[in-house]
Amino acid sequence: MGPPDAPPPERPTPWLSPQERAVWLSLSRLMIKLPTALDAQLERDADLNYFEYTVMAVLSEQDDKTLRMSQLAALTNASLSRLSHVAKRLESRGFVRREPDREDGRYTKAVLTARGVATVECSAPGHVAAVRELVFDAMSPAQSHQLHEAVEAVVARVDPDNPSWPRPPAV
């Protein structure tokens, strides 16, 4: 027996069952391949990458088309540094502008410009068509419902405390 202040012995982590391993490998492949396929469609049709489109789409969903950069970084799962680089690129194309937060000058806001709104509106139909083709056309409505439930269960573990992320309506 070890000293009284020693941590309890660790139990070995059980390996994934064959079924769990198959699910995990499929999910891993999807997490790698789907963003790449969406990137390709957006690059081809809108000269945007998936992350740029996501930043603009999140801003477009705000009533005033504006968010603090820190909020936008949280919603897009990006570091402030990565988001700043992307915002600079989008700014150079006239899609976004950055400005000090009038309520608290310590913050910077990202604002989707009219040109940015128009770009999102023109890009959205092609993006939705790609999502439909790649994801929803591959599943039955029952499978789509099951996937939604499964993904929400995992998201509740991965990101339990992110109230700023828009939660989809129950289906």
N, C-alpha and C. Protein backbone atom coordinates (compact mmCIF):
# COMPACT_ATOMS: atom_id res chain seq x y z
N MET A 1 0.84 -1.17 0.00
CA MET A 1 0.00 0.00 0.00
C MET A 1 0.89 1.24 0.00
N GLY A 2 0.46 2.26 -0.76
CA GLY A 2 1.24 3.48 -0.90
C GLY A 2 0.97 4.43 0.24
N PRO A 3 1.66 5.55 0.21
CA PRO A 3 1.44 6.57 1.25
C PRO A 3 0.00 7.07 1.21
N PRO A 4 -0.50 7.60 2.36
CA PRO A 4 -1.90 8.03 2.45
C PRO A 4 -2.27 9.15 1.49
N ASP A 5 -1.32 9.98 1.08
CA ASP A 5 -1.65 11.09 0.18
C ASP A 5 -1.45 10.73 -1.29
N ALA A 6 -1.13 9.47 -1.58
CA ALA A 6 -0.94 9.05 -2.97
C ALA A 6 -2.30 8.95 -3.66
N PRO A 7 -2.35 9.33 -4.98
CA PRO A 7 -3.62 9.22 -5.70
C PRO A 7 -4.02 7.75 -5.84
N PRO A 8 -5.32 7.49 -5.96
CA PRO A 8 -5.75 6.10 -6.12
C PRO A 8 -5.19 5.55 -7.43
N PRO A 9 -4.96 4.24 -7.48
CA PRO A 9 -4.43 3.67 -8.73
C PRO A 9 -5.42 3.89 -9.87
N GLU A 10 -4.87 4.18 -11.05
CA GLU A 10 -5.73 4.43 -12.21
C GLU A 10 -6.23 3.12 -12.78
N ARG A 11 -7.50 3.16 -13.19
CA ARG A 11 -8.05 2.00 -13.90
C ARG A 11 -7.70 2.18 -15.37
N PRO A 12 -7.33 1.11 -16.02
CA PRO A 12 -7.01 1.26 -17.44
C PRO A 12 -8.25 1.66 -18.23
N THR A 13 -8.03 2.52 -19.22
CA THR A 13 -9.12 2.95 -20.09
C THR A 13 -9.51 1.79 -21.00
N PRO A 14 -10.78 1.45 -21.03
CA PRO A 14 -11.17 0.34 -21.90
C PRO A 14 -11.08 0.75 -23.38
N TRP A 15 -10.66 -0.18 -24.22
CA TRP A 15 -10.59 0.06 -25.65
C TRP A 15 -11.99 0.19 -26.20
N LEU A 16 -12.10 0.81 -27.34
CA LEU A 16 -13.39 0.91 -28.01
C LEU A 16 -13.81 -0.48 -28.48
N SER A 17 -15.10 -0.72 -28.39
CA SER A 17 -15.62 -1.98 -28.94
C SER A 17 -15.50 -1.91 -30.46
N PRO A 18 -15.62 -3.03 -31.15
CA PRO A 18 -15.57 -2.97 -32.62
C PRO A 18 -16.61 -2.00 -33.20
N GLN A 19 -17.81 -2.00 -32.64
CA GLN A 19 -18.85 -1.08 -33.13
C GLN A 19 -18.48 0.37 -32.84
N GLU A 20 -18.01 0.66 -31.63
CA GLU A 20 -17.59 2.03 -31.29
C GLU A 20 -16.44 2.49 -32.19
N ARG A 21 -15.49 1.60 -32.44
CA ARG A 21 -14.36 1.93 -33.30
C ARG A 21 -14.84 2.25 -34.72
N ALA A 22 -15.77 1.47 -35.22
CA ALA A 22 -16.30 1.72 -36.57
C ALA A 22 -16.99 3.08 -36.63
N VAL A 23 -17.79 3.39 -35.61
CA VAL A 23 -18.48 4.69 -35.56
C VAL A 23 -17.45 5.81 -35.47
N TRP A 24 -16.46 5.66 -34.60
CA TRP A 24 -15.46 6.70 -34.42
C TRP A 24 -14.68 6.94 -35.71
N LEU A 25 -14.27 5.88 -36.40
CA LEU A 25 -13.52 6.05 -37.64
C LEU A 25 -14.37 6.73 -38.71
N SER A 26 -15.65 6.38 -38.78
CA SER A 26 -16.55 7.03 -39.74
C SER A 26 -16.72 8.51 -39.41
N LEU A 27 -16.92 8.81 -38.13
CA LEU A 27 -17.08 10.20 -37.70
C LEU A 27 -15.80 10.99 -37.97
N SER A 28 -14.65 10.40 -37.68
CA SER A 28 -13.37 11.08 -37.94
C SER A 28 -13.22 11.40 -39.42
N ARG A 29 -13.55 10.43 -40.27
CA ARG A 29 -13.46 10.66 -41.71
C ARG A 29 -14.40 11.78 -42.14
N LEU A 30 -15.62 11.80 -41.60
CA LEU A 30 -16.58 12.85 -41.93
C LEU A 30 -16.07 14.22 -41.48
N MET A 31 -15.49 14.30 -40.28
CA MET A 31 -15.00 15.59 -39.77
C MET A 31 -13.87 16.14 -40.64
N ILE A 32 -13.15 15.26 -41.32
CA ILE A 32 -12.06 15.69 -42.19
C ILE A 32 -12.57 15.98 -43.60
N LYS A 33 -13.39 15.11 -44.13
CA LYS A 33 -13.79 15.20 -45.54
C LYS A 33 -14.90 16.22 -45.81
N LEU A 34 -15.89 16.35 -44.92
CA LEU A 34 -17.01 17.26 -45.18
C LEU A 34 -16.56 18.71 -45.29
N PRO A 35 -15.77 19.23 -44.34
CA PRO A 35 -15.32 20.62 -44.50
C PRO A 35 -14.54 20.84 -45.79
N THR A 36 -13.75 19.85 -46.19
CA THR A 36 -12.98 19.97 -47.43
C THR A 36 -13.92 20.06 -48.64
N ALA A 37 -14.96 19.23 -48.65
CA ALA A 37 -15.93 19.27 -49.75
C ALA A 37 -16.69 20.60 -49.76
N LEU A 38 -17.06 21.11 -48.60
CA LEU A 38 -17.76 22.40 -48.52
C LEU A 38 -16.83 23.54 -48.94
N ASP A 39 -15.57 23.44 -48.54
CA ASP A 39 -14.57 24.42 -48.98
C ASP A 39 -14.50 24.47 -50.50
N ALA A 40 -14.42 23.30 -51.12
CA ALA A 40 -14.28 23.23 -52.58
C ALA A 40 -15.46 23.89 -53.27
N GLN A 41 -16.67 23.62 -52.80
CA GLN A 41 -17.86 24.22 -53.41
C GLN A 41 -17.85 25.73 -53.25
N LEU A 42 -17.55 26.22 -52.05
CA LEU A 42 -17.56 27.66 -51.81
C LEU A 42 -16.44 28.37 -52.57
N GLU A 43 -15.27 27.75 -52.63
CA GLU A 43 -14.16 28.34 -53.40
C GLU A 43 -14.56 28.45 -54.87
N ARG A 44 -15.14 27.37 -55.41
CA ARG A 44 -15.51 27.33 -56.82
C ARG A 44 -16.62 28.34 -57.13
N ASP A 45 -17.65 28.38 -56.30
CA ASP A 45 -18.85 29.18 -56.61
C ASP A 45 -18.82 30.61 -56.07
N ALA A 46 -18.07 30.84 -54.98
CA ALA A 46 -18.15 32.15 -54.33
C ALA A 46 -16.79 32.77 -54.01
N ASP A 47 -15.72 32.08 -54.35
CA ASP A 47 -14.37 32.57 -54.05
C ASP A 47 -14.21 32.86 -52.55
N LEU A 48 -14.81 31.99 -51.74
CA LEU A 48 -14.70 32.05 -50.28
C LEU A 48 -14.33 30.67 -49.78
N ASN A 49 -13.60 30.61 -48.67
CA ASN A 49 -13.44 29.30 -48.05
C ASN A 49 -14.55 29.11 -47.01
N TYR A 50 -14.67 27.91 -46.50
CA TYR A 50 -15.76 27.57 -45.59
C TYR A 50 -15.73 28.45 -44.33
N PHE A 51 -14.54 28.71 -43.81
CA PHE A 51 -14.45 29.53 -42.60
C PHE A 51 -14.86 30.97 -42.89
N GLU A 52 -14.42 31.52 -44.01
CA GLU A 52 -14.83 32.88 -44.36
C GLU A 52 -16.34 32.97 -44.50
N TYR A 53 -16.92 31.99 -45.18
CA TYR A 53 -18.37 31.97 -45.35
C TYR A 53 -19.06 31.87 -43.99
N THR A 54 -18.54 31.02 -43.11
CA THR A 54 -19.14 30.85 -41.78
C THR A 54 -19.11 32.16 -41.00
N VAL A 55 -17.98 32.86 -41.04
CA VAL A 55 -17.87 34.16 -40.34
C VAL A 55 -18.94 35.12 -40.88
N MET A 56 -19.06 35.19 -42.18
CA MET A 56 -20.03 36.11 -42.78
C MET A 56 -21.46 35.66 -42.51
N ALA A 57 -21.72 34.37 -42.54
CA ALA A 57 -23.07 33.86 -42.28
C ALA A 57 -23.49 34.13 -40.84
N VAL A 58 -22.56 33.95 -39.90
CA VAL A 58 -22.88 34.23 -38.49
C VAL A 58 -23.21 35.71 -38.32
N LEU A 59 -22.43 36.57 -38.93
CA LEU A 59 -22.72 38.01 -38.86
C LEU A 59 -24.06 38.33 -39.52
N SER A 60 -24.36 37.66 -40.62
CA SER A 60 -25.61 37.95 -41.34
C SER A 60 -26.84 37.58 -40.52
N GLU A 61 -26.68 36.68 -39.58
CA GLU A 61 -27.82 36.24 -38.76
C GLU A 61 -28.09 37.18 -37.58
N GLN A 62 -27.22 38.15 -37.36
CA GLN A 62 -27.42 39.12 -36.28
C GLN A 62 -28.32 40.24 -36.79
N ASP A 63 -29.21 40.72 -35.92
CA ASP A 63 -30.13 41.79 -36.33
C ASP A 63 -29.40 42.99 -36.93
N ASP A 64 -28.28 43.38 -36.29
CA ASP A 64 -27.55 44.55 -36.77
C ASP A 64 -26.29 44.17 -37.57
N LYS A 65 -26.19 42.88 -37.92
CA LYS A 65 -25.06 42.36 -38.72
C LYS A 65 -23.72 42.63 -38.05
N THR A 66 -23.72 42.67 -36.72
CA THR A 66 -22.55 43.07 -35.95
C THR A 66 -22.34 42.16 -34.75
N LEU A 67 -21.09 41.85 -34.47
CA LEU A 67 -20.73 41.12 -33.24
C LEU A 67 -19.36 41.59 -32.78
N ARG A 68 -19.13 41.54 -31.49
CA ARG A 68 -17.78 41.73 -30.98
C ARG A 68 -16.92 40.60 -31.54
N MET A 69 -15.68 40.92 -31.82
CA MET A 69 -14.76 39.92 -32.37
C MET A 69 -14.65 38.72 -31.43
N SER A 70 -14.65 38.95 -30.13
CA SER A 70 -14.54 37.84 -29.16
C SER A 70 -15.76 36.93 -29.25
N GLN A 71 -16.95 37.51 -29.42
CA GLN A 71 -18.16 36.69 -29.58
C GLN A 71 -18.11 35.92 -30.90
N LEU A 72 -17.68 36.58 -31.95
CA LEU A 72 -17.59 35.93 -33.25
C LEU A 72 -16.57 34.79 -33.21
N ALA A 73 -15.48 35.00 -32.51
CA ALA A 73 -14.47 33.94 -32.37
C ALA A 73 -15.07 32.73 -31.65
N ALA A 74 -15.84 32.98 -30.59
CA ALA A 74 -16.47 31.87 -29.86
C ALA A 74 -17.47 31.12 -30.75
N LEU A 75 -18.26 31.86 -31.50
CA LEU A 75 -19.27 31.22 -32.35
C LEU A 75 -18.68 30.44 -33.51
N THR A 76 -17.49 30.84 -33.96
CA THR A 76 -16.87 30.15 -35.09
C THR A 76 -15.75 29.21 -34.64
N ASN A 77 -15.57 29.09 -33.33
CA ASN A 77 -14.55 28.21 -32.76
C ASN A 77 -13.16 28.58 -33.28
N ALA A 78 -12.87 29.87 -33.31
CA ALA A 78 -11.59 30.35 -33.81
C ALA A 78 -10.87 31.12 -32.72
N SER A 79 -9.55 31.13 -32.81
CA SER A 79 -8.78 32.00 -31.94
C SER A 79 -8.98 33.43 -32.44
N LEU A 80 -8.77 34.39 -31.55
CA LEU A 80 -8.88 35.80 -31.97
C LEU A 80 -7.85 36.11 -33.05
N SER A 81 -6.70 35.47 -32.97
CA SER A 81 -5.67 35.70 -33.99
C SER A 81 -6.13 35.21 -35.36
N ARG A 82 -6.66 34.00 -35.43
CA ARG A 82 -7.15 33.48 -36.71
C ARG A 82 -8.28 34.35 -37.25
N LEU A 83 -9.22 34.70 -36.36
CA LEU A 83 -10.34 35.52 -36.78
C LEU A 83 -9.87 36.88 -37.28
N SER A 84 -8.88 37.46 -36.62
CA SER A 84 -8.36 38.76 -37.05
C SER A 84 -7.77 38.68 -38.46
N HIS A 85 -7.04 37.61 -38.75
CA HIS A 85 -6.49 37.43 -40.10
C HIS A 85 -7.60 37.32 -41.14
N VAL A 86 -8.63 36.54 -40.82
CA VAL A 86 -9.75 36.37 -41.76
C VAL A 86 -10.52 37.67 -41.90
N ALA A 87 -10.75 38.36 -40.79
CA ALA A 87 -11.46 39.65 -40.85
C ALA A 87 -10.69 40.64 -41.72
N LYS A 88 -9.37 40.63 -41.61
CA LYS A 88 -8.55 41.52 -42.44
C LYS A 88 -8.73 41.19 -43.93
N ARG A 89 -8.74 39.89 -44.27
CA ARG A 89 -8.96 39.49 -45.67
C ARG A 89 -10.34 39.90 -46.15
N LEU A 90 -11.36 39.66 -45.30
CA LEU A 90 -12.73 40.02 -45.68
C LEU A 90 -12.89 41.53 -45.78
N GLU A 91 -12.18 42.25 -44.92
CA GLU A 91 -12.21 43.71 -44.95
C GLU A 91 -11.61 44.22 -46.26
N SER A 92 -10.52 43.61 -46.70
CA SER A 92 -9.86 44.06 -47.93
C SER A 92 -10.74 43.83 -49.16
N ARG A 93 -11.71 42.93 -49.04
CA ARG A 93 -12.63 42.65 -50.15
C ARG A 93 -13.95 43.44 -50.00
N GLY A 94 -14.05 44.21 -48.92
CA GLY A 94 -15.24 45.03 -48.72
C GLY A 94 -16.43 44.29 -48.13
N PHE A 95 -16.20 43.11 -47.57
CA PHE A 95 -17.30 42.31 -47.01
C PHE A 95 -17.56 42.60 -45.54
N VAL A 96 -16.52 43.02 -44.83
CA VAL A 96 -16.60 43.25 -43.38
C VAL A 96 -15.83 44.53 -43.09
N ARG A 97 -16.24 45.21 -42.04
CA ARG A 97 -15.42 46.30 -41.52
C ARG A 97 -15.31 46.09 -40.01
N ARG A 98 -14.21 46.54 -39.46
CA ARG A 98 -14.01 46.46 -38.02
C ARG A 98 -14.05 47.87 -37.46
N GLU A 99 -14.64 47.98 -36.28
CA GLU A 99 -14.75 49.29 -35.65
C GLU A 99 -14.74 49.12 -34.14
N PRO A 100 -14.34 50.15 -33.42
CA PRO A 100 -14.36 50.07 -31.96
C PRO A 100 -15.81 49.93 -31.47
N ASP A 101 -15.97 49.20 -30.40
CA ASP A 101 -17.28 49.06 -29.76
C ASP A 101 -17.59 50.38 -29.05
N ARG A 102 -18.67 51.02 -29.44
CA ARG A 102 -19.02 52.33 -28.85
C ARG A 102 -19.36 52.21 -27.36
N GLU A 103 -19.87 51.04 -26.95
CA GLU A 103 -20.23 50.85 -25.54
C GLU A 103 -19.01 50.59 -24.67
N ASP A 104 -17.99 49.96 -25.24
CA ASP A 104 -16.78 49.64 -24.48
C ASP A 104 -15.62 49.60 -25.47
N GLY A 105 -14.84 50.65 -25.47
CA GLY A 105 -13.75 50.82 -26.42
C GLY A 105 -12.66 49.77 -26.34
N ARG A 106 -12.69 48.93 -25.31
CA ARG A 106 -11.69 47.86 -25.23
C ARG A 106 -11.96 46.77 -26.26
N TYR A 107 -13.17 46.75 -26.81
CA TYR A 107 -13.56 45.71 -27.75
C TYR A 107 -13.62 46.25 -29.17
N THR A 108 -13.46 45.33 -30.11
CA THR A 108 -13.63 45.65 -31.53
C THR A 108 -14.81 44.85 -32.05
N LYS A 109 -15.60 45.50 -32.88
CA LYS A 109 -16.75 44.82 -33.48
C LYS A 109 -16.46 44.53 -34.95
N ALA A 110 -17.01 43.42 -35.41
CA ALA A 110 -16.99 43.09 -36.84
C ALA A 110 -18.39 43.39 -37.36
N VAL A 111 -18.45 44.10 -38.48
CA VAL A 111 -19.72 44.49 -39.08
C VAL A 111 -19.76 43.97 -40.51
N LEU A 112 -20.81 43.24 -40.85
CA LEU A 112 -20.98 42.77 -42.22
C LEU A 112 -21.51 43.94 -43.05
N THR A 113 -20.82 44.27 -44.11
CA THR A 113 -21.21 45.40 -44.95
C THR A 113 -22.35 44.98 -45.89
N ALA A 114 -22.91 45.95 -46.58
CA ALA A 114 -23.95 45.64 -47.58
C ALA A 114 -23.40 44.70 -48.65
N ARG A 115 -22.16 44.90 -49.05
CA ARG A 115 -21.54 44.01 -50.02
C ARG A 115 -21.40 42.60 -49.44
N GLY A 116 -21.06 42.51 -48.16
CA GLY A 116 -20.95 41.22 -47.49
C GLY A 116 -22.30 40.52 -47.42
N VAL A 117 -23.35 41.27 -47.09
CA VAL A 117 -24.71 40.70 -47.05
C VAL A 117 -25.07 40.15 -48.43
N ALA A 118 -24.81 40.93 -49.46
CA ALA A 118 -25.13 40.49 -50.82
C ALA A 118 -24.34 39.23 -51.19
N THR A 119 -23.10 39.16 -50.76
CA THR A 119 -22.28 37.99 -51.05
C THR A 119 -22.83 36.75 -50.34
N VAL A 120 -23.21 36.89 -49.09
CA VAL A 120 -23.80 35.76 -48.36
C VAL A 120 -25.10 35.34 -49.04
N GLU A 121 -25.93 36.31 -49.40
CA GLU A 121 -27.21 35.98 -50.04
C GLU A 121 -27.00 35.28 -51.38
N CYS A 122 -25.98 35.67 -52.12
CA CYS A 122 -25.70 35.01 -53.41
C CYS A 122 -25.06 33.64 -53.21
N SER A 123 -24.27 33.49 -52.15
CA SER A 123 -23.55 32.24 -51.90
C SER A 123 -24.41 31.18 -51.22
N ALA A 124 -25.39 31.60 -50.44
CA ALA A 124 -26.17 30.67 -49.62
C ALA A 124 -26.87 29.58 -50.44
N PRO A 125 -27.53 29.89 -51.56
CA PRO A 125 -28.21 28.82 -52.28
C PRO A 125 -27.28 27.68 -52.73
N GLY A 126 -26.10 28.02 -53.22
CA GLY A 126 -25.15 26.99 -53.63
C GLY A 126 -24.64 26.19 -52.45
N HIS A 127 -24.41 26.90 -51.33
CA HIS A 127 -23.94 26.22 -50.12
C HIS A 127 -25.02 25.26 -49.60
N VAL A 128 -26.25 25.72 -49.56
CA VAL A 128 -27.35 24.87 -49.10
C VAL A 128 -27.51 23.66 -50.02
N ALA A 129 -27.37 23.88 -51.32
CA ALA A 129 -27.47 22.76 -52.27
C ALA A 129 -26.37 21.74 -52.01
N ALA A 130 -25.16 22.21 -51.71
CA ALA A 130 -24.05 21.28 -51.42
C ALA A 130 -24.32 20.52 -50.12
N VAL A 131 -24.80 21.22 -49.10
CA VAL A 131 -25.13 20.55 -47.83
C VAL A 131 -26.22 19.51 -48.06
N ARG A 132 -27.24 19.88 -48.81
CA ARG A 132 -28.32 18.93 -49.10
C ARG A 132 -27.77 17.70 -49.83
N GLU A 133 -26.98 17.94 -50.88
CA GLU A 133 -26.45 16.83 -51.67
C GLU A 133 -25.52 15.93 -50.85
N LEU A 134 -24.61 16.55 -50.10
CA LEU A 134 -23.60 15.78 -49.37
C LEU A 134 -24.14 15.12 -48.11
N VAL A 135 -25.11 15.74 -47.46
CA VAL A 135 -25.57 15.24 -46.16
C VAL A 135 -26.99 14.68 -46.23
N PHE A 136 -27.95 15.51 -46.53
CA PHE A 136 -29.34 15.10 -46.36
C PHE A 136 -29.84 14.15 -47.44
N ASP A 137 -29.34 14.28 -48.66
CA ASP A 137 -29.76 13.34 -49.70
C ASP A 137 -29.23 11.93 -49.45
N ALA A 138 -28.23 11.80 -48.57
CA ALA A 138 -27.65 10.49 -48.26
C ALA A 138 -28.42 9.77 -47.16
N MET A 139 -29.42 10.45 -46.56
CA MET A 139 -30.12 9.87 -45.40
C MET A 139 -31.63 9.90 -45.61
N SER A 140 -32.29 8.99 -44.93
CA SER A 140 -33.75 9.04 -44.85
C SER A 140 -34.12 10.07 -43.79
N PRO A 141 -35.39 10.50 -43.76
CA PRO A 141 -35.81 11.42 -42.69
C PRO A 141 -35.57 10.82 -41.29
N ALA A 142 -35.79 9.52 -41.15
CA ALA A 142 -35.56 8.87 -39.85
C ALA A 142 -34.08 8.93 -39.48
N GLN A 143 -33.20 8.69 -40.44
CA GLN A 143 -31.77 8.77 -40.16
C GLN A 143 -31.35 10.20 -39.82
N SER A 144 -31.94 11.16 -40.50
CA SER A 144 -31.65 12.57 -40.21
C SER A 144 -32.04 12.90 -38.77
N HIS A 145 -33.20 12.43 -38.35
CA HIS A 145 -33.66 12.65 -36.98
C HIS A 145 -32.71 11.98 -35.98
N GLN A 146 -32.30 10.75 -36.27
CA GLN A 146 -31.38 10.03 -35.38
C GLN A 146 -30.03 10.75 -35.31
N LEU A 147 -29.56 11.22 -36.45
CA LEU A 147 -28.29 11.94 -36.47
C LEU A 147 -28.39 13.21 -35.63
N HIS A 148 -29.49 13.92 -35.77
CA HIS A 148 -29.68 15.14 -34.98
C HIS A 148 -29.62 14.82 -33.49
N GLU A 149 -30.32 13.81 -33.06
CA GLU A 149 -30.31 13.43 -31.64
C GLU A 149 -28.91 13.04 -31.18
N ALA A 150 -28.22 12.25 -31.99
CA ALA A 150 -26.88 11.80 -31.63
C ALA A 150 -25.90 12.97 -31.56
N VAL A 151 -25.95 13.85 -32.53
CA VAL A 151 -25.04 14.99 -32.56
C VAL A 151 -25.31 15.91 -31.36
N GLU A 152 -26.57 16.16 -31.05
CA GLU A 152 -26.89 17.02 -29.90
C GLU A 152 -26.39 16.41 -28.60
N ALA A 153 -26.46 15.09 -28.47
CA ALA A 153 -25.96 14.42 -27.26
C ALA A 153 -24.44 14.61 -27.13
N VAL A 154 -23.73 14.51 -28.25
CA VAL A 154 -22.28 14.69 -28.22
C VAL A 154 -21.94 16.16 -27.98
N VAL A 155 -22.63 17.07 -28.65
CA VAL A 155 -22.38 18.51 -28.47
C VAL A 155 -22.60 18.91 -27.01
N ALA A 156 -23.58 18.32 -26.36
CA ALA A 156 -23.83 18.64 -24.95
C ALA A 156 -22.62 18.31 -24.08
N ARG A 157 -21.82 17.33 -24.50
CA ARG A 157 -20.60 16.99 -23.76
C ARG A 157 -19.41 17.84 -24.19
N VAL A 158 -19.32 18.11 -25.47
CA VAL A 158 -18.18 18.83 -26.03
C VAL A 158 -18.26 20.32 -25.73
N ASP A 159 -19.46 20.87 -25.75
CA ASP A 159 -19.64 22.32 -25.62
C ASP A 159 -20.85 22.63 -24.73
N PRO A 160 -20.80 22.19 -23.47
CA PRO A 160 -21.99 22.31 -22.62
C PRO A 160 -22.35 23.72 -22.19
N ASP A 161 -21.38 24.60 -22.18
CA ASP A 161 -21.61 25.93 -21.60
C ASP A 161 -21.53 27.06 -22.60
N ASN A 162 -21.87 26.80 -23.86
CA ASN A 162 -21.79 27.86 -24.85
C ASN A 162 -23.20 28.35 -25.19
N PRO A 163 -23.74 29.23 -24.34
CA PRO A 163 -25.10 29.71 -24.59
C PRO A 163 -25.20 30.64 -25.78
N SER A 164 -24.07 31.13 -26.29
CA SER A 164 -24.14 32.06 -27.42
C SER A 164 -24.31 31.33 -28.74
N TRP A 165 -24.08 30.03 -28.75
CA TRP A 165 -24.23 29.28 -30.01
C TRP A 165 -25.70 29.07 -30.27
N PRO A 166 -26.16 29.35 -31.46
CA PRO A 166 -27.59 29.16 -31.73
C PRO A 166 -27.95 27.68 -31.70
N ARG A 167 -28.92 27.35 -30.88
CA ARG A 167 -29.38 25.96 -30.79
C ARG A 167 -30.49 25.75 -31.81
N PRO A 168 -30.39 24.66 -32.57
CA PRO A 168 -31.44 24.41 -33.56
C PRO A 168 -32.74 24.05 -32.88
N PRO A 169 -33.86 24.32 -33.52
CA PRO A 169 -35.13 23.93 -32.94
C PRO A 169 -35.25 22.41 -32.91
N ALA A 170 -36.01 21.91 -31.95
CA ALA A 170 -36.23 20.46 -31.87
C ALA A 170 -37.04 20.03 -33.09
N VAL A 171 -36.73 18.85 -33.58
CA VAL A 171 -37.45 18.33 -34.75
C VAL A 171 -38.33 17.17 -34.37
